[in-house]
PDB file of N, CA and C in Angstrom:
ATOM      1  N   MET A   1     -60.783 -92.679 -35.514  1.00  0.00           N
ATOM      2  CA  MET A   1     -61.046 -91.882 -36.626  1.00  0.00           C
ATOM      3  C   MET A   1     -60.358 -92.445 -38.199  1.00  0.00           C
ATOM      4  N   ARG A   2     -61.240 -92.593 -39.072  1.00  0.00           N
ATOM      5  CA  ARG A   2     -60.741 -93.284 -39.984  1.00  0.00           C
ATOM      6  C   ARG A   2     -60.754 -92.440 -41.449  1.00  0.00           C
ATOM      7  N   GLY A   3     -60.121 -93.086 -42.410  1.00  0.00           N
ATOM      8  CA  GLY A   3     -60.559 -92.563 -43.574  1.00  0.00           C
ATOM      9  C   GLY A   3     -60.184 -91.501 -43.790  1.00  0.00           C
ATOM     10  N   SER A   4     -61.306 -90.686 -44.837  1.00  0.00           N
ATOM     11  CA  SER A   4     -61.103 -89.104 -45.283  1.00  0.00           C
ATOM     12  C   SER A   4     -60.847 -88.057 -44.208  1.00  0.00           C
ATOM     13  N   SER A   5     -61.462 -88.331 -43.105  1.00  0.00           N
ATOM     14  CA  SER A   5     -61.294 -87.410 -41.899  1.00  0.00           C
ATOM     15  C   SER A   5     -59.882 -87.485 -41.384  1.00  0.00           C
ATOM     16  N   LEU A   6     -59.547 -88.844 -41.393  1.00  0.00           N
ATOM     17  CA  LEU A   6     -58.033 -88.745 -40.575  1.00  0.00           C
ATOM     18  C   LEU A   6     -56.984 -88.374 -41.437  1.00  0.00           C
ATOM     19  N   GLN A   7     -57.275 -88.432 -42.833  1.00  0.00           N
ATOM     20  CA  GLN A   7     -56.521 -88.126 -43.662  1.00  0.00           C
ATOM     21  C   GLN A   7     -56.066 -86.417 -43.716  1.00  0.00           C
ATOM     22  N   ALA A   8     -57.190 -85.889 -43.686  1.00  0.00           N
ATOM     23  CA  ALA A   8     -57.764 -84.653 -43.742  1.00  0.00           C
ATOM     24  C   ALA A   8     -56.929 -84.139 -41.910  1.00  0.00           C
ATOM     25  N   ARG A   9     -57.037 -84.777 -41.320  1.00  0.00           N
ATOM     26  CA  ARG A   9     -56.484 -84.553 -39.901  1.00  0.00           C
ATOM     27  C   ARG A   9     -54.983 -84.284 -40.157  1.00  0.00           C
ATOM     28  N   ARG A  10     -54.395 -85.461 -40.463  1.00  0.00           N
ATOM     29  CA  ARG A  10     -52.935 -85.606 -41.097  1.00  0.00           C
ATOM     30  C   ARG A  10     -52.555 -84.782 -41.586  1.00  0.00           C
ATOM     31  N   ALA A  11     -52.745 -84.505 -42.441  1.00  0.00           N
ATOM     32  CA  ALA A  11     -52.432 -83.667 -43.785  1.00  0.00           C
ATOM     33  C   ALA A  11     -51.967 -81.739 -43.123  1.00  0.00           C
ATOM     34  N   ASN A  12     -53.733 -81.481 -42.670  1.00  0.00           N
ATOM     35  CA  ASN A  12     -53.274 -80.712 -41.645  1.00  0.00           C
ATOM     36  C   ASN A  12     -52.389 -80.034 -40.554  1.00  0.00           C
ATOM     37  N   TRP A  13     -52.202 -81.437 -40.008  1.00  0.00           N
ATOM     38  CA  TRP A  13     -51.030 -81.302 -38.675  1.00  0.00           C
ATOM     39  C   TRP A  13     -49.414 -81.086 -39.290  1.00  0.00           C
ATOM     40  N   PHE A  14     -49.466 -81.940 -40.725  1.00  0.00           N
ATOM     41  CA  PHE A  14     -48.025 -82.244 -40.705  1.00  0.00           C
ATOM     42  C   PHE A  14     -47.887 -80.816 -41.592  1.00  0.00           C
ATOM     43  N   ALA A  15     -48.639 -80.093 -42.152  1.00  0.00           N
ATOM     44  CA  ALA A  15     -48.667 -78.642 -42.917  1.00  0.00           C
ATOM     45  C   ALA A  15     -48.361 -77.951 -41.483  1.00  0.00           C
ATOM     46  N   ARG A  16     -48.856 -78.050 -40.971  1.00  0.00           N
ATOM     47  CA  ARG A  16     -48.404 -76.950 -39.052  1.00  0.00           C
ATOM     48  C   ARG A  16     -47.347 -77.165 -38.571  1.00  0.00           C
ATOM     49  N   PHE A  17     -46.782 -78.957 -38.320  1.00  0.00           N
ATOM     50  CA  PHE A  17     -45.282 -79.033 -37.714  1.00  0.00           C
ATOM     51  C   PHE A  17     -45.020 -80.047 -38.666  1.00  0.00           C
ATOM     52  N   PRO A  18     -44.009 -79.733 -39.435  1.00  0.00           N
ATOM     53  CA  PRO A  18     -43.367 -80.509 -40.409  1.00  0.00           C
ATOM     54  C   PRO A  18     -42.749 -81.530 -39.926  1.00  0.00           C
ATOM     55  N   LEU A  19     -42.123 -81.002 -38.979  1.00  0.00           N
ATOM     56  CA  LEU A  19     -40.540 -81.920 -38.517  1.00  0.00           C
ATOM     57  C   LEU A  19     -40.612 -82.810 -37.165  1.00  0.00           C
ATOM     58  N   CYS A  20     -40.412 -83.933 -36.860  1.00  0.00           N
ATOM     59  CA  CYS A  20     -40.097 -84.984 -36.513  1.00  0.00           C
ATOM     60  C   CYS A  20     -39.734 -84.484 -35.102  1.00  0.00           C
ATOM     61  N   VAL A  21     -40.391 -84.573 -34.016  1.00  0.00           N
ATOM     62  CA  VAL A  21     -40.315 -83.628 -32.671  1.00  0.00           C
ATOM     63  C   VAL A  21     -39.455 -84.436 -31.623  1.00  0.00           C
ATOM     64  N   ALA A  22     -39.150 -85.696 -31.814  1.00  0.00           N
ATOM     65  CA  ALA A  22     -37.985 -86.946 -31.347  1.00  0.00           C
ATOM     66  C   ALA A  22     -37.012 -86.191 -31.610  1.00  0.00           C
ATOM     67  N   CYS A  23     -36.561 -86.112 -33.411  1.00  0.00           N
ATOM     68  CA  CYS A  23     -35.683 -85.613 -33.918  1.00  0.00           C
ATOM     69  C   CYS A  23     -34.820 -84.314 -33.554  1.00  0.00           C
ATOM     70  N   GLU A  24     -36.412 -83.571 -33.122  1.00  0.00           N
ATOM     71  CA  GLU A  24     -35.813 -81.696 -33.402  1.00  0.00           C
ATOM     72  C   GLU A  24     -35.140 -81.689 -31.779  1.00  0.00           C
ATOM     73  N   LYS A  25     -35.228 -82.874 -31.007  1.00  0.00           N
ATOM     74  CA  LYS A  25     -35.055 -82.577 -29.674  1.00  0.00           C
ATOM     75  C   LYS A  25     -33.560 -83.022 -29.378  1.00  0.00           C
ATOM     76  N   LEU A  26     -33.301 -83.885 -30.573  1.00  0.00           N
ATOM     77  CA  LEU A  26     -31.775 -84.374 -30.553  1.00  0.00           C
ATOM     78  C   LEU A  26     -31.062 -83.589 -31.541  1.00  0.00           C
ATOM     79  N   GLY A  27     -31.565 -82.570 -31.728  1.00  0.00           N
ATOM     80  CA  GLY A  27     -30.621 -81.436 -33.025  1.00  0.00           C
ATOM     81  C   GLY A  27     -30.600 -81.930 -34.403  1.00  0.00           C
ATOM     82  N   ARG A  28     -31.545 -83.102 -34.749  1.00  0.00           N
ATOM     83  CA  ARG A  28     -31.644 -83.070 -35.720  1.00  0.00           C
ATOM     84  C   ARG A  28     -32.931 -82.826 -36.673  1.00  0.00           C
ATOM     85  N   VAL A  29     -32.934 -82.870 -37.844  1.00  0.00           N
ATOM     86  CA  VAL A  29     -34.077 -82.291 -38.835  1.00  0.00           C
ATOM     87  C   VAL A  29     -34.614 -83.726 -39.711  1.00  0.00           C
ATOM     88  N   SER A  30     -35.746 -84.163 -39.069  1.00  0.00           N
ATOM     89  CA  SER A  30     -36.775 -85.246 -40.149  1.00  0.00           C
ATOM     90  C   SER A  30     -37.880 -84.674 -40.060  1.00  0.00           C
ATOM     91  N   ALA A  31     -38.242 -85.144 -41.341  1.00  0.00           N
ATOM     92  CA  ALA A  31     -39.483 -84.795 -41.899  1.00  0.00           C
ATOM     93  C   ALA A  31     -40.599 -85.737 -40.904  1.00  0.00           C
ATOM     94  N   ALA A  32     -41.768 -85.397 -40.234  1.00  0.00           N
ATOM     95  CA  ALA A  32     -42.579 -85.747 -39.396  1.00  0.00           C
ATOM     96  C   ALA A  32     -43.479 -86.701 -40.590  1.00  0.00           C
ATOM     97  N   GLU A  33     -43.857 -88.338 -40.581  1.00  0.00           N
ATOM     98  CA  GLU A  33     -44.396 -88.840 -41.247  1.00  0.00           C
ATOM     99  C   GLU A  33     -45.331 -89.569 -40.704  1.00  0.00           C
ATOM    100  N   GLN A  34     -45.530 -89.985 -39.189  1.00  0.00           N
ATOM    101  CA  GLN A  34     -46.368 -90.837 -38.342  1.00  0.00           C
ATOM    102  C   GLN A  34     -47.170 -89.530 -37.439  1.00  0.00           C
ATOM    103  N   LEU A  35     -48.636 -89.765 -37.296  1.00  0.00           N
ATOM    104  CA  LEU A  35     -49.366 -88.757 -36.041  1.00  0.00           C
ATOM    105  C   LEU A  35     -49.072 -89.744 -35.185  1.00  0.00           C
ATOM    106  N   ASP A  36     -48.276 -89.549 -33.980  1.00  0.00           N
ATOM    107  CA  ASP A  36     -48.636 -90.271 -33.038  1.00  0.00           C
ATOM    108  C   ASP A  36     -49.171 -89.795 -31.586  1.00  0.00           C
ATOM    109  N   HIS A  37     -49.819 -90.909 -30.942  1.00  0.00           N
ATOM    110  CA  HIS A  37     -50.476 -90.037 -29.420  1.00  0.00           C
ATOM    111  C   HIS A  37     -49.638 -90.437 -28.671  1.00  0.00           C
ATOM    112  N   ILE A  38     -48.817 -89.435 -27.781  1.00  0.00           N
ATOM    113  CA  ILE A  38     -48.165 -89.123 -26.853  1.00  0.00           C
ATOM    114  C   ILE A  38     -48.535 -89.970 -25.759  1.00  0.00           C
ATOM    115  N   ILE A  39     -49.495 -90.014 -25.304  1.00  0.00           N
ATOM    116  CA  ILE A  39     -50.003 -91.071 -24.386  1.00  0.00           C
ATOM    117  C   ILE A  39     -50.739 -91.882 -24.938  1.00  0.00           C
ATOM    118  N   PRO A  40     -50.452 -93.404 -25.557  1.00  0.00           N
ATOM    119  CA  PRO A  40     -51.055 -94.308 -26.559  1.00  0.00           C
ATOM    120  C   PRO A  40     -52.420 -94.042 -25.901  1.00  0.00           C
ATOM    121  N   LEU A  41     -53.338 -94.432 -26.799  1.00  0.00           N
ATOM    122  CA  LEU A  41     -54.709 -94.524 -26.495  1.00  0.00           C
ATOM    123  C   LEU A  41     -55.553 -95.700 -25.259  1.00  0.00           C
ATOM    124  N   HIS A  42     -54.485 -97.014 -25.438  1.00  0.00           N
ATOM    125  CA  HIS A  42     -54.638 -98.148 -24.519  1.00  0.00           C
ATOM    126  C   HIS A  42     -54.318 -97.271 -23.439  1.00  0.00           C
ATOM    127  N   LEU A  43     -53.515 -96.762 -22.961  1.00  0.00           N
ATOM    128  CA  LEU A  43     -53.070 -96.489 -21.869  1.00  0.00           C
ATOM    129  C   LEU A  43     -53.686 -95.152 -21.221  1.00  0.00           C
ATOM    130  N   GLY A  44     -54.647 -94.892 -21.705  1.00  0.00           N
ATOM    131  CA  GLY A  44     -55.901 -93.690 -21.754  1.00  0.00           C
ATOM    132  C   GLY A  44     -55.705 -92.611 -22.232  1.00  0.00           C
ATOM    133  N   GLY A  45     -54.703 -92.222 -23.030  1.00  0.00           N
ATOM    134  CA  GLY A  45     -54.516 -91.367 -23.785  1.00  0.00           C
ATOM    135  C   GLY A  45     -55.651 -90.816 -24.312  1.00  0.00           C
ATOM    136  N   SER A  46     -55.741 -89.482 -25.389  1.00  0.00           N
ATOM    137  CA  SER A  46     -57.500 -89.107 -25.779  1.00  0.00           C
ATOM    138  C   SER A  46     -56.536 -88.545 -26.982  1.00  0.00           C
ATOM    139  N   ASP A  47     -57.324 -88.537 -28.196  1.00  0.00           N
ATOM    140  CA  ASP A  47     -57.365 -88.142 -29.416  1.00  0.00           C
ATOM    141  C   ASP A  47     -57.172 -87.197 -29.570  1.00  0.00           C
ATOM    142  N   SER A  48     -57.296 -85.941 -28.835  1.00  0.00           N
ATOM    143  CA  SER A  48     -57.619 -84.771 -28.867  1.00  0.00           C
ATOM    144  C   SER A  48     -55.609 -83.695 -29.151  1.00  0.00           C
ATOM    145  N   ALA A  49     -55.475 -83.021 -29.825  1.00  0.00           N
ATOM    146  CA  ALA A  49     -54.491 -82.321 -30.101  1.00  0.00           C
ATOM    147  C   ALA A  49     -53.396 -82.108 -29.209  1.00  0.00           C
ATOM    148  N   PRO A  50     -53.477 -81.655 -27.797  1.00  0.00           N
ATOM    149  CA  PRO A  50     -52.635 -81.815 -26.942  1.00  0.00           C
ATOM    150  C   PRO A  50     -52.022 -83.375 -26.847  1.00  0.00           C
ATOM    151  N   ASN A  51     -52.448 -84.381 -27.254  1.00  0.00           N
ATOM    152  CA  ASN A  51     -51.495 -85.427 -26.809  1.00  0.00           C
ATOM    153  C   ASN A  51     -51.274 -86.165 -28.657  1.00  0.00           C
ATOM    154  N   LEU A  52     -51.114 -85.205 -29.240  1.00  0.00           N
ATOM    155  CA  LEU A  52     -50.793 -85.653 -30.415  1.00  0.00           C
ATOM    156  C   LEU A  52     -49.231 -84.989 -30.767  1.00  0.00           C
ATOM    157  N   GLN A  53     -48.300 -85.719 -31.815  1.00  0.00           N
ATOM    158  CA  GLN A  53     -47.140 -85.534 -32.228  1.00  0.00           C
ATOM    159  C   GLN A  53     -46.680 -86.088 -33.346  1.00  0.00           C
ATOM    160  N   GLY A  54     -46.147 -85.248 -34.048  1.00  0.00           N
ATOM    161  CA  GLY A  54     -45.202 -85.602 -35.550  1.00  0.00           C
ATOM    162  C   GLY A  54     -43.957 -86.768 -35.214  1.00  0.00           C
ATOM    163  N   LEU A  55     -43.798 -87.824 -35.762  1.00  0.00           N
ATOM    164  CA  LEU A  55     -42.953 -88.202 -35.308  1.00  0.00           C
ATOM    165  C   LEU A  55     -42.232 -89.149 -37.008  1.00  0.00           C
ATOM    166  N   CYS A  56     -40.931 -88.549 -37.217  1.00  0.00           N
ATOM    167  CA  CYS A  56     -40.347 -89.825 -38.258  1.00  0.00           C
ATOM    168  C   CYS A  56     -40.921 -91.662 -38.154  1.00  0.00           C
ATOM    169  N   ILE A  57     -40.726 -92.076 -39.273  1.00  0.00           N
ATOM    170  CA  ILE A  57     -40.960 -93.703 -39.230  1.00  0.00           C
ATOM    171  C   ILE A  57     -39.750 -94.070 -37.869  1.00  0.00           C
ATOM    172  N   PRO A  58     -38.593 -93.669 -38.170  1.00  0.00           N
ATOM    173  CA  PRO A  58     -37.776 -94.690 -37.427  1.00  0.00           C
ATOM    174  C   PRO A  58     -37.847 -93.916 -35.606  1.00  0.00           C
ATOM    175  N   CYS A  59     -38.135 -92.966 -35.556  1.00  0.00           N
ATOM    176  CA  CYS A  59     -38.428 -92.679 -34.146  1.00  0.00           C
ATOM    177  C   CYS A  59     -40.144 -93.050 -33.665  1.00  0.00           C
ATOM    178  N   HIS A  60     -41.182 -92.973 -34.248  1.00  0.00           N
ATOM    179  CA  HIS A  60     -42.093 -93.872 -34.051  1.00  0.00           C
ATOM    180  C   HIS A  60     -41.961 -95.142 -33.488  1.00  0.00           C
ATOM    181  N   ALA A  61     -41.160 -96.121 -34.776  1.00  0.00           N
ATOM    182  CA  ALA A  61     -40.832 -97.536 -34.150  1.00  0.00           C
ATOM    183  C   ALA A  61     -40.388 -97.730 -33.254  1.00  0.00           C
ATOM    184  N   THR A  62     -39.361 -96.449 -32.342  1.00  0.00           N
ATOM    185  CA  THR A  62     -38.459 -96.720 -31.305  1.00  0.00           C
ATOM    186  C   THR A  62     -39.876 -96.427 -30.319  1.00  0.00           C
ATOM    187  N   LYS A  63     -40.259 -95.585 -30.327  1.00  0.00           N
ATOM    188  CA  LYS A  63     -41.300 -95.024 -29.215  1.00  0.00           C
ATOM    189  C   LYS A  63     -42.209 -96.563 -29.017  1.00  0.00           C
ATOM    190  N   THR A  64     -42.884 -97.136 -30.039  1.00  0.00           N
ATOM    191  CA  THR A  64     -43.774 -97.983 -30.244  1.00  0.00           C
ATOM    192  C   THR A  64     -42.844 -99.300 -29.294  1.00  0.00           C
ATOM    193  N   ALA A  65     -41.843 -99.721 -29.801  1.00  0.00           N
ATOM    194  CA  ALA A  65     -41.166-100.655 -29.531  1.00  0.00           C
ATOM    195  C   ALA A  65     -40.958-100.614 -28.034  1.00  0.00           C
ATOM    196  N   ALA A  66     -40.502 -99.273 -27.653  1.00  0.00           N
ATOM    197  CA  ALA A  66     -40.333 -98.739 -25.946  1.00  0.00           C
ATOM    198  C   ALA A  66     -41.857 -99.018 -25.217  1.00  0.00           C
ATOM    199  N   GLU A  67     -43.040 -98.518 -25.725  1.00  0.00           N
ATOM    200  CA  GLU A  67     -44.184 -98.544 -25.125  1.00  0.00           C
ATOM    201  C   GLU A  67     -44.819-100.575 -24.781  1.00  0.00           C
ATOM    202  N   LEU A  68     -44.612-101.202 -26.398  1.00  0.00           N
ATOM    203  CA  LEU A  68     -44.668-102.463 -26.185  1.00  0.00           C
ATOM    204  C   LEU A  68     -43.848-102.949 -25.103  1.00  0.00           C
ATOM    205  N   ARG A  69     -42.583-102.847 -24.724  1.00  0.00           N
ATOM    206  CA  ARG A  69     -41.731-103.549 -23.644  1.00  0.00           C
ATOM    207  C   ARG A  69     -42.248-103.137 -22.365  1.00  0.00           C
ATOM    208  N   GLY A  70     -43.118-101.983 -22.098  1.00  0.00           N
ATOM    209  CA  GLY A  70     -44.118-101.916 -20.966  1.00  0.00           C
ATOM    210  C   GLY A  70     -45.206-102.666 -20.596  1.00  0.00           C
ATOM    211  N   ARG A  71     -45.391-102.841 -21.772  1.00  0.00           N
ATOM    212  CA  ARG A  71     -47.138-103.513 -21.378  1.00  0.00           C
ATOM    213  C   ARG A  71     -46.827-105.149 -20.900  1.00  0.00           C
ATOM    214  N   HIS A  72     -48.010-105.572 -20.469  1.00  0.00           N
ATOM    215  CA  HIS A  72     -48.134-107.233 -19.442  1.00  0.00           C
ATOM    216  C   HIS A  72     -48.747-107.805 -20.161  1.00  0.00           C
TER     217      HIS A  72
END
């Protein structure tokens, strides 16, 4: 998904779920700024809502780095 469709999807998501889910699990409050695939697309994850989550930029970077370490 690209362009205005993606921007509309992101805006709708963050209006409904404004907080970073990873921070919430740790008892922190941070704004979600990145729409993340829980299971990455390259690992067979889907682009559907159950596979999406909002993350702050630091949490998204940490998750992405961990996923890249697991790739061969």
